[in-house]
Amino acid sequence: MPSLAQKWLEQGIQQGIQKGIQQGIQKGMLHEAQEMVLEAIDAKFGACPEEIRKRIMAIEDRTKLKALLKEILLKSKLEDISLNCCVKI
């Protein structure tokens, strides 16, 4: 029969595993959103310049990426799209 300390240790390990899994899922969803923005730029405006690619990959807020994707769909020129609170590309 496991001791109380062993039960707590096992519980802590399980919580750590669950937290790690959740963080991995969140990171994967963020990366997917970044990739969708880049693919939308490539499809609409041609190859995405490396500097813009780096700036998009630095965005760590899925809500901002979602707004950026909508903006890409609505704008007719790459230069009219803003990154990080109205900083023009």
PDB file of N, CA and C in Angstrom:
ATOM      1  N   MET A   1       0.842  -1.173   0.000  1.00  0.00           N
ATOM      2  CA  MET A   1       0.000   0.000   0.000  1.00  0.00           C
ATOM      3  C   MET A   1       0.893   1.245   0.000  1.00  0.00           C
ATOM      4  N   PRO A   2       0.630   2.164  -0.960  1.00  0.00           N
ATOM      5  CA  PRO A   2       1.478   3.359  -1.049  1.00  0.00           C
ATOM      6  C   PRO A   2       1.239   4.303   0.132  1.00  0.00           C
ATOM      7  N   SER A   3       2.296   4.963   0.516  1.00  0.00           N
ATOM      8  CA  SER A   3       2.184   5.923   1.617  1.00  0.00           C
ATOM      9  C   SER A   3       1.522   7.205   1.113  1.00  0.00           C
ATOM     10  N   LEU A   4       1.159   8.040   2.054  1.00  0.00           N
ATOM     11  CA  LEU A   4       0.540   9.316   1.721  1.00  0.00           C
ATOM     12  C   LEU A   4       1.483  10.161   0.870  1.00  0.00           C
ATOM     13  N   ALA A   5       2.752  10.164   1.212  1.00  0.00           N
ATOM     14  CA  ALA A   5       3.750  10.926   0.459  1.00  0.00           C
ATOM     15  C   ALA A   5       3.844  10.409  -0.978  1.00  0.00           C
ATOM     16  N   GLN A   6       3.797   9.092  -1.161  1.00  0.00           N
ATOM     17  CA  GLN A   6       3.855   8.514  -2.500  1.00  0.00           C
ATOM     18  C   GLN A   6       2.618   8.903  -3.311  1.00  0.00           C
ATOM     19  N   LYS A   7       1.456   8.915  -2.665  1.00  0.00           N
ATOM     20  CA  LYS A   7       0.228   9.325  -3.351  1.00  0.00           C
ATOM     21  C   LYS A   7       0.330  10.781  -3.804  1.00  0.00           C
ATOM     22  N   TRP A   8       0.839  11.645  -2.918  1.00  0.00           N
ATOM     23  CA  TRP A   8       0.992  13.051  -3.279  1.00  0.00           C
ATOM     24  C   TRP A   8       1.982  13.221  -4.428  1.00  0.00           C
ATOM     25  N   LEU A   9       3.061  12.455  -4.368  1.00  0.00           N
ATOM     26  CA  LEU A   9       4.061  12.511  -5.429  1.00  0.00           C
ATOM     27  C   LEU A   9       3.449  12.096  -6.760  1.00  0.00           C
ATOM     28  N   GLU A  10       2.721  11.006  -6.761  1.00  0.00           N
ATOM     29  CA  GLU A  10       2.075  10.532  -7.981  1.00  0.00           C
ATOM     30  C   GLU A  10       1.052  11.553  -8.487  1.00  0.00           C
ATOM     31  N   GLN A  11       0.316  12.152  -7.555  1.00  0.00           N
ATOM     32  CA  GLN A  11      -0.666  13.168  -7.918  1.00  0.00           C
ATOM     33  C   GLN A  11       0.032  14.380  -8.546  1.00  0.00           C
ATOM     34  N   GLY A  12       1.138  14.791  -7.966  1.00  0.00           N
ATOM     35  CA  GLY A  12       1.914  15.918  -8.497  1.00  0.00           C
ATOM     36  C   GLY A  12       2.467  15.618  -9.874  1.00  0.00           C
ATOM     37  N   ILE A  13       2.941  14.403 -10.060  1.00  0.00           N
ATOM     38  CA  ILE A  13       3.467  14.002 -11.365  1.00  0.00           C
ATOM     39  C   ILE A  13       2.353  14.044 -12.407  1.00  0.00           C
ATOM     40  N   GLN A  14       1.187  13.512 -12.062  1.00  0.00           N
ATOM     41  CA  GLN A  14       0.055  13.515 -12.996  1.00  0.00           C
ATOM     42  C   GLN A  14      -0.378  14.944 -13.339  1.00  0.00           C
ATOM     43  N   GLN A  15      -0.389  15.814 -12.345  1.00  0.00           N
ATOM     44  CA  GLN A  15      -0.753  17.209 -12.601  1.00  0.00           C
ATOM     45  C   GLN A  15       0.279  17.871 -13.506  1.00  0.00           C
ATOM     46  N   GLY A  16       1.539  17.570 -13.288  1.00  0.00           N
ATOM     47  CA  GLY A  16       2.603  18.115 -14.131  1.00  0.00           C
ATOM     48  C   GLY A  16       2.483  17.626 -15.569  1.00  0.00           C
ATOM     49  N   ILE A  17       2.171  16.364 -15.727  1.00  0.00           N
ATOM     50  CA  ILE A  17       1.992  15.799 -17.069  1.00  0.00           C
ATOM     51  C   ILE A  17       0.820  16.485 -17.762  1.00  0.00           C
ATOM     52  N   GLN A  18      -0.298  16.640 -17.061  1.00  0.00           N
ATOM     53  CA  GLN A  18      -1.470  17.282 -17.648  1.00  0.00           C
ATOM     54  C   GLN A  18      -1.175  18.733 -18.036  1.00  0.00           C
ATOM     55  N   LYS A  19      -0.460  19.434 -17.176  1.00  0.00           N
ATOM     56  CA  LYS A  19      -0.102  20.825 -17.473  1.00  0.00           C
ATOM     57  C   LYS A  19       0.803  20.886 -18.700  1.00  0.00           C
ATOM     58  N   GLY A  20       1.754  19.982 -18.793  1.00  0.00           N
ATOM     59  CA  GLY A  20       2.646  19.931 -19.955  1.00  0.00           C
ATOM     60  C   GLY A  20       1.897  19.625 -21.242  1.00  0.00           C
ATOM     61  N   ILE A  21       0.955  18.709 -21.161  1.00  0.00           N
ATOM     62  CA  ILE A  21       0.138  18.379 -22.331  1.00  0.00           C
ATOM     63  C   ILE A  21      -0.657  19.603 -22.768  1.00  0.00           C
ATOM     64  N   GLN A  22      -1.273  20.288 -21.818  1.00  0.00           N
ATOM     65  CA  GLN A  22      -2.072  21.472 -22.135  1.00  0.00           C
ATOM     66  C   GLN A  22      -1.213  22.564 -22.763  1.00  0.00           C
ATOM     67  N   GLN A  23      -0.021  22.776 -22.218  1.00  0.00           N
ATOM     68  CA  GLN A  23       0.879  23.786 -22.779  1.00  0.00           C
ATOM     69  C   GLN A  23       1.287  23.409 -24.196  1.00  0.00           C
ATOM     70  N   GLY A  24       1.519  22.133 -24.433  1.00  0.00           N
ATOM     71  CA  GLY A  24       1.870  21.666 -25.770  1.00  0.00           C
ATOM     72  C   GLY A  24       0.742  21.886 -26.758  1.00  0.00           C
ATOM     73  N   ILE A  25      -0.466  21.635 -26.332  1.00  0.00           N
ATOM     74  CA  ILE A  25      -1.632  21.855 -27.191  1.00  0.00           C
ATOM     75  C   ILE A  25      -1.759  23.341 -27.533  1.00  0.00           C
ATOM     76  N   GLN A  26      -1.615  24.191 -26.522  1.00  0.00           N
ATOM     77  CA  GLN A  26      -1.718  25.637 -26.745  1.00  0.00           C
ATOM     78  C   GLN A  26      -0.637  26.116 -27.715  1.00  0.00           C
ATOM     79  N   LYS A  27       0.575  25.628 -27.532  1.00  0.00           N
ATOM     80  CA  LYS A  27       1.681  26.023 -28.407  1.00  0.00           C
ATOM     81  C   LYS A  27       1.418  25.555 -29.839  1.00  0.00           C
ATOM     82  N   GLY A  28       0.882  24.357 -29.987  1.00  0.00           N
ATOM     83  CA  GLY A  28       0.551  23.836 -31.312  1.00  0.00           C
ATOM     84  C   GLY A  28      -0.537  24.657 -31.980  1.00  0.00           C
ATOM     85  N   MET A  29      -1.535  25.069 -31.227  1.00  0.00           N
ATOM     86  CA  MET A  29      -2.615  25.892 -31.782  1.00  0.00           C
ATOM     87  C   MET A  29      -2.082  27.264 -32.204  1.00  0.00           C
ATOM     88  N   LEU A  30      -1.171  27.818 -31.418  1.00  0.00           N
ATOM     89  CA  LEU A  30      -0.565  29.101 -31.760  1.00  0.00           C
ATOM     90  C   LEU A  30       0.233  28.974 -33.052  1.00  0.00           C
ATOM     91  N   HIS A  31       1.035  27.941 -33.148  1.00  0.00           N
ATOM     92  CA  HIS A  31       1.854  27.735 -34.348  1.00  0.00           C
ATOM     93  C   HIS A  31       0.960  27.555 -35.578  1.00  0.00           C
ATOM     94  N   GLU A  32      -0.119  26.835 -35.428  1.00  0.00           N
ATOM     95  CA  GLU A  32      -1.050  26.622 -36.538  1.00  0.00           C
ATOM     96  C   GLU A  32      -1.662  27.948 -36.990  1.00  0.00           C
ATOM     97  N   ALA A  33      -2.019  28.810 -36.042  1.00  0.00           N
ATOM     98  CA  ALA A  33      -2.580  30.122 -36.383  1.00  0.00           C
ATOM     99  C   ALA A  33      -1.546  30.979 -37.111  1.00  0.00           C
ATOM    100  N   GLN A  34      -0.298  30.937 -36.652  1.00  0.00           N
ATOM    101  CA  GLN A  34       0.771  31.682 -37.328  1.00  0.00           C
ATOM    102  C   GLN A  34       0.938  31.186 -38.767  1.00  0.00           C
ATOM    103  N   GLU A  35       0.927  29.883 -38.939  1.00  0.00           N
ATOM    104  CA  GLU A  35       1.080  29.297 -40.271  1.00  0.00           C
ATOM    105  C   GLU A  35      -0.084  29.675 -41.190  1.00  0.00           C
ATOM    106  N   MET A  36      -1.297  29.718 -40.649  1.00  0.00           N
ATOM    107  CA  MET A  36      -2.452  30.102 -41.467  1.00  0.00           C
ATOM    108  C   MET A  36      -2.323  31.544 -41.954  1.00  0.00           C
ATOM    109  N   VAL A  37      -1.844  32.431 -41.101  1.00  0.00           N
ATOM    110  CA  VAL A  37      -1.647  33.829 -41.500  1.00  0.00           C
ATOM    111  C   VAL A  37      -0.604  33.896 -42.620  1.00  0.00           C
ATOM    112  N   LEU A  38       0.493  33.181 -42.453  1.00  0.00           N
ATOM    113  CA  LEU A  38       1.538  33.187 -43.477  1.00  0.00           C
ATOM    114  C   LEU A  38       1.033  32.601 -44.798  1.00  0.00           C
ATOM    115  N   GLU A  39       0.268  31.532 -44.724  1.00  0.00           N
ATOM    116  CA  GLU A  39      -0.281  30.927 -45.938  1.00  0.00           C
ATOM    117  C   GLU A  39      -1.258  31.869 -46.627  1.00  0.00           C
ATOM    118  N   ALA A  40      -2.035  32.609 -45.854  1.00  0.00           N
ATOM    119  CA  ALA A  40      -2.972  33.569 -46.442  1.00  0.00           C
ATOM    120  C   ALA A  40      -2.214  34.678 -47.164  1.00  0.00           C
ATOM    121  N   ILE A  41      -1.127  35.155 -46.571  1.00  0.00           N
ATOM    122  CA  ILE A  41      -0.302  36.183 -47.231  1.00  0.00           C
ATOM    123  C   ILE A  41       0.280  35.617 -48.514  1.00  0.00           C
ATOM    124  N   ASP A  42       0.847  34.416 -48.446  1.00  0.00           N
ATOM    125  CA  ASP A  42       1.426  33.790 -49.641  1.00  0.00           C
ATOM    126  C   ASP A  42       0.381  33.640 -50.742  1.00  0.00           C
ATOM    127  N   ALA A  43      -0.815  33.202 -50.384  1.00  0.00           N
ATOM    128  CA  ALA A  43      -1.856  32.952 -51.376  1.00  0.00           C
ATOM    129  C   ALA A  43      -2.383  34.253 -51.992  1.00  0.00           C
ATOM    130  N   LYS A  44      -2.510  35.290 -51.184  1.00  0.00           N
ATOM    131  CA  LYS A  44      -3.117  36.527 -51.679  1.00  0.00           C
ATOM    132  C   LYS A  44      -2.114  37.483 -52.308  1.00  0.00           C
ATOM    133  N   PHE A  45      -0.918  37.573 -51.720  1.00  0.00           N
ATOM    134  CA  PHE A  45       0.042  38.592 -52.153  1.00  0.00           C
ATOM    135  C   PHE A  45       1.335  38.017 -52.740  1.00  0.00           C
ATOM    136  N   GLY A  46       1.483  36.719 -52.774  1.00  0.00           N
ATOM    137  CA  GLY A  46       2.735  36.111 -53.218  1.00  0.00           C
ATOM    138  C   GLY A  46       3.611  35.801 -52.012  1.00  0.00           C
ATOM    139  N   ALA A  47       4.832  35.418 -52.290  1.00  0.00           N
ATOM    140  CA  ALA A  47       5.745  34.994 -51.228  1.00  0.00           C
ATOM    141  C   ALA A  47       5.877  36.071 -50.145  1.00  0.00           C
ATOM    142  N   CYS A  48       5.723  35.649 -48.917  1.00  0.00           N
ATOM    143  CA  CYS A  48       5.812  36.550 -47.771  1.00  0.00           C
ATOM    144  C   CYS A  48       7.283  36.901 -47.512  1.00  0.00           C
ATOM    145  N   PRO A  49       7.609  38.199 -47.441  1.00  0.00           N
ATOM    146  CA  PRO A  49       8.987  38.600 -47.137  1.00  0.00           C
ATOM    147  C   PRO A  49       9.436  38.044 -45.778  1.00  0.00           C
ATOM    148  N   GLU A  50      10.698  37.728 -45.673  1.00  0.00           N
ATOM    149  CA  GLU A  50      11.246  37.104 -44.467  1.00  0.00           C
ATOM    150  C   GLU A  50      11.034  37.960 -43.217  1.00  0.00           C
ATOM    151  N   GLU A  51      11.194  39.270 -43.336  1.00  0.00           N
ATOM    152  CA  GLU A  51      11.016  40.145 -42.179  1.00  0.00           C
ATOM    153  C   GLU A  51       9.580  40.069 -41.654  1.00  0.00           C
ATOM    154  N   ILE A  52       8.612  40.035 -42.547  1.00  0.00           N
ATOM    155  CA  ILE A  52       7.211  39.923 -42.137  1.00  0.00           C
ATOM    156  C   ILE A  52       6.961  38.552 -41.531  1.00  0.00           C
ATOM    157  N   ARG A  53       7.534  37.531 -42.137  1.00  0.00           N
ATOM    158  CA  ARG A  53       7.403  36.160 -41.617  1.00  0.00           C
ATOM    159  C   ARG A  53       7.899  36.101 -40.170  1.00  0.00           C
ATOM    160  N   LYS A  54       9.037  36.708 -39.903  1.00  0.00           N
ATOM    161  CA  LYS A  54       9.596  36.709 -38.546  1.00  0.00           C
ATOM    162  C   LYS A  54       8.678  37.443 -37.573  1.00  0.00           C
ATOM    163  N   ARG A  55       8.115  38.562 -38.015  1.00  0.00           N
ATOM    164  CA  ARG A  55       7.233  39.339 -37.148  1.00  0.00           C
ATOM    165  C   ARG A  55       5.955  38.569 -36.822  1.00  0.00           C
ATOM    166  N   ILE A  56       5.424  37.870 -37.810  1.00  0.00           N
ATOM    167  CA  ILE A  56       4.221  37.075 -37.574  1.00  0.00           C
ATOM    168  C   ILE A  56       4.521  35.923 -36.619  1.00  0.00           C
ATOM    169  N   MET A  57       5.649  35.271 -36.803  1.00  0.00           N
ATOM    170  CA  MET A  57       6.013  34.156 -35.927  1.00  0.00           C
ATOM    171  C   MET A  57       6.297  34.624 -34.498  1.00  0.00           C
ATOM    172  N   ALA A  58       6.515  35.925 -34.312  1.00  0.00           N
ATOM    173  CA  ALA A  58       6.757  36.468 -32.970  1.00  0.00           C
ATOM    174  C   ALA A  58       5.455  36.807 -32.248  1.00  0.00           C
ATOM    175  N   ILE A  59       4.334  36.836 -32.976  1.00  0.00           N
ATOM    176  CA  ILE A  59       3.048  37.131 -32.356  1.00  0.00           C
ATOM    177  C   ILE A  59       2.601  35.894 -31.574  1.00  0.00           C
ATOM    178  N   GLU A  60       2.358  36.044 -30.288  1.00  0.00           N
ATOM    179  CA  GLU A  60       1.993  34.909 -29.436  1.00  0.00           C
ATOM    180  C   GLU A  60       0.584  35.028 -28.879  1.00  0.00           C
ATOM    181  N   ASP A  61      -0.259  35.747 -29.589  1.00  0.00           N
ATOM    182  CA  ASP A  61      -1.644  35.933 -29.177  1.00  0.00           C
ATOM    183  C   ASP A  61      -2.540  35.494 -30.334  1.00  0.00           C
ATOM    184  N   ARG A  62      -3.277  34.401 -30.130  1.00  0.00           N
ATOM    185  CA  ARG A  62      -4.124  33.871 -31.198  1.00  0.00           C
ATOM    186  C   ARG A  62      -5.210  34.852 -31.611  1.00  0.00           C
ATOM    187  N   THR A  63      -5.683  35.673 -30.687  1.00  0.00           N
ATOM    188  CA  THR A  63      -6.706  36.665 -31.016  1.00  0.00           C
ATOM    189  C   THR A  63      -6.152  37.687 -32.005  1.00  0.00           C
ATOM    190  N   LYS A  64      -4.922  38.129 -31.792  1.00  0.00           N
ATOM    191  CA  LYS A  64      -4.280  39.063 -32.720  1.00  0.00           C
ATOM    192  C   LYS A  64      -4.064  38.408 -34.074  1.00  0.00           C
ATOM    193  N   LEU A  65      -3.672  37.147 -34.070  1.00  0.00           N
ATOM    194  CA  LEU A  65      -3.457  36.445 -35.333  1.00  0.00           C
ATOM    195  C   LEU A  65      -4.767  36.284 -36.102  1.00  0.00           C
ATOM    196  N   LYS A  66      -5.842  36.020 -35.379  1.00  0.00           N
ATOM    197  CA  LYS A  66      -7.157  35.887 -36.008  1.00  0.00           C
ATOM    198  C   LYS A  66      -7.579  37.215 -36.637  1.00  0.00           C
ATOM    199  N   ALA A  67      -7.366  38.314 -35.928  1.00  0.00           N
ATOM    200  CA  ALA A  67      -7.691  39.642 -36.455  1.00  0.00           C
ATOM    201  C   ALA A  67      -6.828  39.957 -37.672  1.00  0.00           C
ATOM    202  N   LEU A  68      -5.575  39.571 -37.612  1.00  0.00           N
ATOM    203  CA  LEU A  68      -4.663  39.792 -38.731  1.00  0.00           C
ATOM    204  C   LEU A  68      -5.103  38.999 -39.957  1.00  0.00           C
ATOM    205  N   LEU A  69      -5.548  37.781 -39.757  1.00  0.00           N
ATOM    206  CA  LEU A  69      -6.028  36.960 -40.859  1.00  0.00           C
ATOM    207  C   LEU A  69      -7.240  37.613 -41.521  1.00  0.00           C
ATOM    208  N   LYS A  70      -8.162  38.134 -40.729  1.00  0.00           N
ATOM    209  CA  LYS A  70      -9.324  38.836 -41.286  1.00  0.00           C
ATOM    210  C   LYS A  70      -8.887  40.056 -42.079  1.00  0.00           C
ATOM    211  N   GLU A  71      -7.908  40.774 -41.551  1.00  0.00           N
ATOM    212  CA  GLU A  71      -7.411  41.966 -42.232  1.00  0.00           C
ATOM    213  C   GLU A  71      -6.783  41.597 -43.576  1.00  0.00           C
ATOM    214  N   ILE A  72      -6.050  40.501 -43.610  1.00  0.00           N
ATOM    215  CA  ILE A  72      -5.437  40.033 -44.860  1.00  0.00           C
ATOM    216  C   ILE A  72      -6.516  39.781 -45.906  1.00  0.00           C
ATOM    217  N   LEU A  73      -7.608  39.183 -45.483  1.00  0.00           N
ATOM    218  CA  LEU A  73      -8.691  38.867 -46.411  1.00  0.00           C
ATOM    219  C   LEU A  73      -9.366  40.132 -46.948  1.00  0.00           C
ATOM    220  N   LEU A  74      -9.369  41.198 -46.165  1.00  0.00           N
ATOM    221  CA  LEU A  74     -10.065  42.416 -46.556  1.00  0.00           C
ATOM    222  C   LEU A  74      -9.217  43.428 -47.319  1.00  0.00           C
ATOM    223  N   LYS A  75      -7.925  43.411 -47.145  1.00  0.00           N
ATOM    224  CA  LYS A  75      -7.053  44.414 -47.770  1.00  0.00           C
ATOM    225  C   LYS A  75      -6.640  43.977 -49.173  1.00  0.00           C
ATOM    226  N   SER A  76      -6.355  44.973 -50.001  1.00  0.00           N
ATOM    227  CA  SER A  76      -5.954  44.661 -51.374  1.00  0.00           C
ATOM    228  C   SER A  76      -4.441  44.722 -51.585  1.00  0.00           C
ATOM    229  N   LYS A  77      -3.727  45.353 -50.633  1.00  0.00           N
ATOM    230  CA  LYS A  77      -2.270  45.443 -50.746  1.00  0.00           C
ATOM    231  C   LYS A  77      -1.624  45.005 -49.438  1.00  0.00           C
ATOM    232  N   LEU A  78      -0.505  44.325 -49.546  1.00  0.00           N
ATOM    233  CA  LEU A  78       0.231  43.860 -48.368  1.00  0.00           C
ATOM    234  C   LEU A  78       0.631  45.032 -47.477  1.00  0.00           C
ATOM    235  N   GLU A  79       0.962  46.154 -48.078  1.00  0.00           N
ATOM    236  CA  GLU A  79       1.409  47.324 -47.321  1.00  0.00           C
ATOM    237  C   GLU A  79       0.310  47.906 -46.427  1.00  0.00           C
ATOM    238  N   ASP A  80      -0.946  47.594 -46.731  1.00  0.00           N
ATOM    239  CA  ASP A  80      -2.062  48.134 -45.952  1.00  0.00           C
ATOM    240  C   ASP A  80      -2.377  47.318 -44.699  1.00  0.00           C
ATOM    241  N   ILE A  81      -1.698  46.208 -44.530  1.00  0.00           N
ATOM    242  CA  ILE A  81      -1.950  45.331 -43.389  1.00  0.00           C
ATOM    243  C   ILE A  81      -1.058  45.757 -42.228  1.00  0.00           C
ATOM    244  N   SER A  82      -1.608  45.747 -41.027  1.00  0.00           N
ATOM    245  CA  SER A  82      -0.834  46.150 -39.861  1.00  0.00           C
ATOM    246  C   SER A  82      -0.506  44.951 -38.995  1.00  0.00           C
ATOM    247  N   LEU A  83       0.619  45.014 -38.321  1.00  0.00           N
ATOM    248  CA  LEU A  83       1.049  43.997 -37.362  1.00  0.00           C
ATOM    249  C   LEU A  83       1.210  44.675 -36.011  1.00  0.00           C
ATOM    250  N   ASN A  84       0.836  43.974 -34.966  1.00  0.00           N
ATOM    251  CA  ASN A  84       1.051  44.465 -33.588  1.00  0.00           C
ATOM    252  C   ASN A  84       0.549  45.898 -33.391  1.00  0.00           C
ATOM    253  N   CYS A  85      -0.723  46.043 -33.356  1.00  0.00           N
ATOM    254  CA  CYS A  85      -1.342  47.326 -33.025  1.00  0.00           C
ATOM    255  C   CYS A  85      -0.986  48.448 -34.014  1.00  0.00           C
ATOM    256  N   CYS A  86      -1.348  48.235 -35.238  1.00  0.00           N
ATOM    257  CA  CYS A  86      -1.276  49.263 -36.273  1.00  0.00           C
ATOM    258  C   CYS A  86       0.137  49.616 -36.731  1.00  0.00           C
ATOM    259  N   VAL A  87       1.114  48.783 -36.527  1.00  0.00           N
ATOM    260  CA  VAL A  87       2.428  48.996 -37.103  1.00  0.00           C
ATOM    261  C   VAL A  87       2.366  48.480 -38.524  1.00  0.00           C
ATOM    262  N   LYS A  88       2.527  49.330 -39.481  1.00  0.00           N
ATOM    263  CA  LYS A  88       2.372  48.957 -40.884  1.00  0.00           C
ATOM    264  C   LYS A  88       3.457  47.978 -41.318  1.00  0.00           C
ATOM    265  N   ILE A  89       3.055  47.041 -42.171  1.00  0.00           N
ATOM    266  CA  ILE A  89       4.007  46.118 -42.782  1.00  0.00           C
ATOM    267  C   ILE A  89       4.749  46.919 -43.817  1.00  0.00           C
TER     268      ILE A  89
END
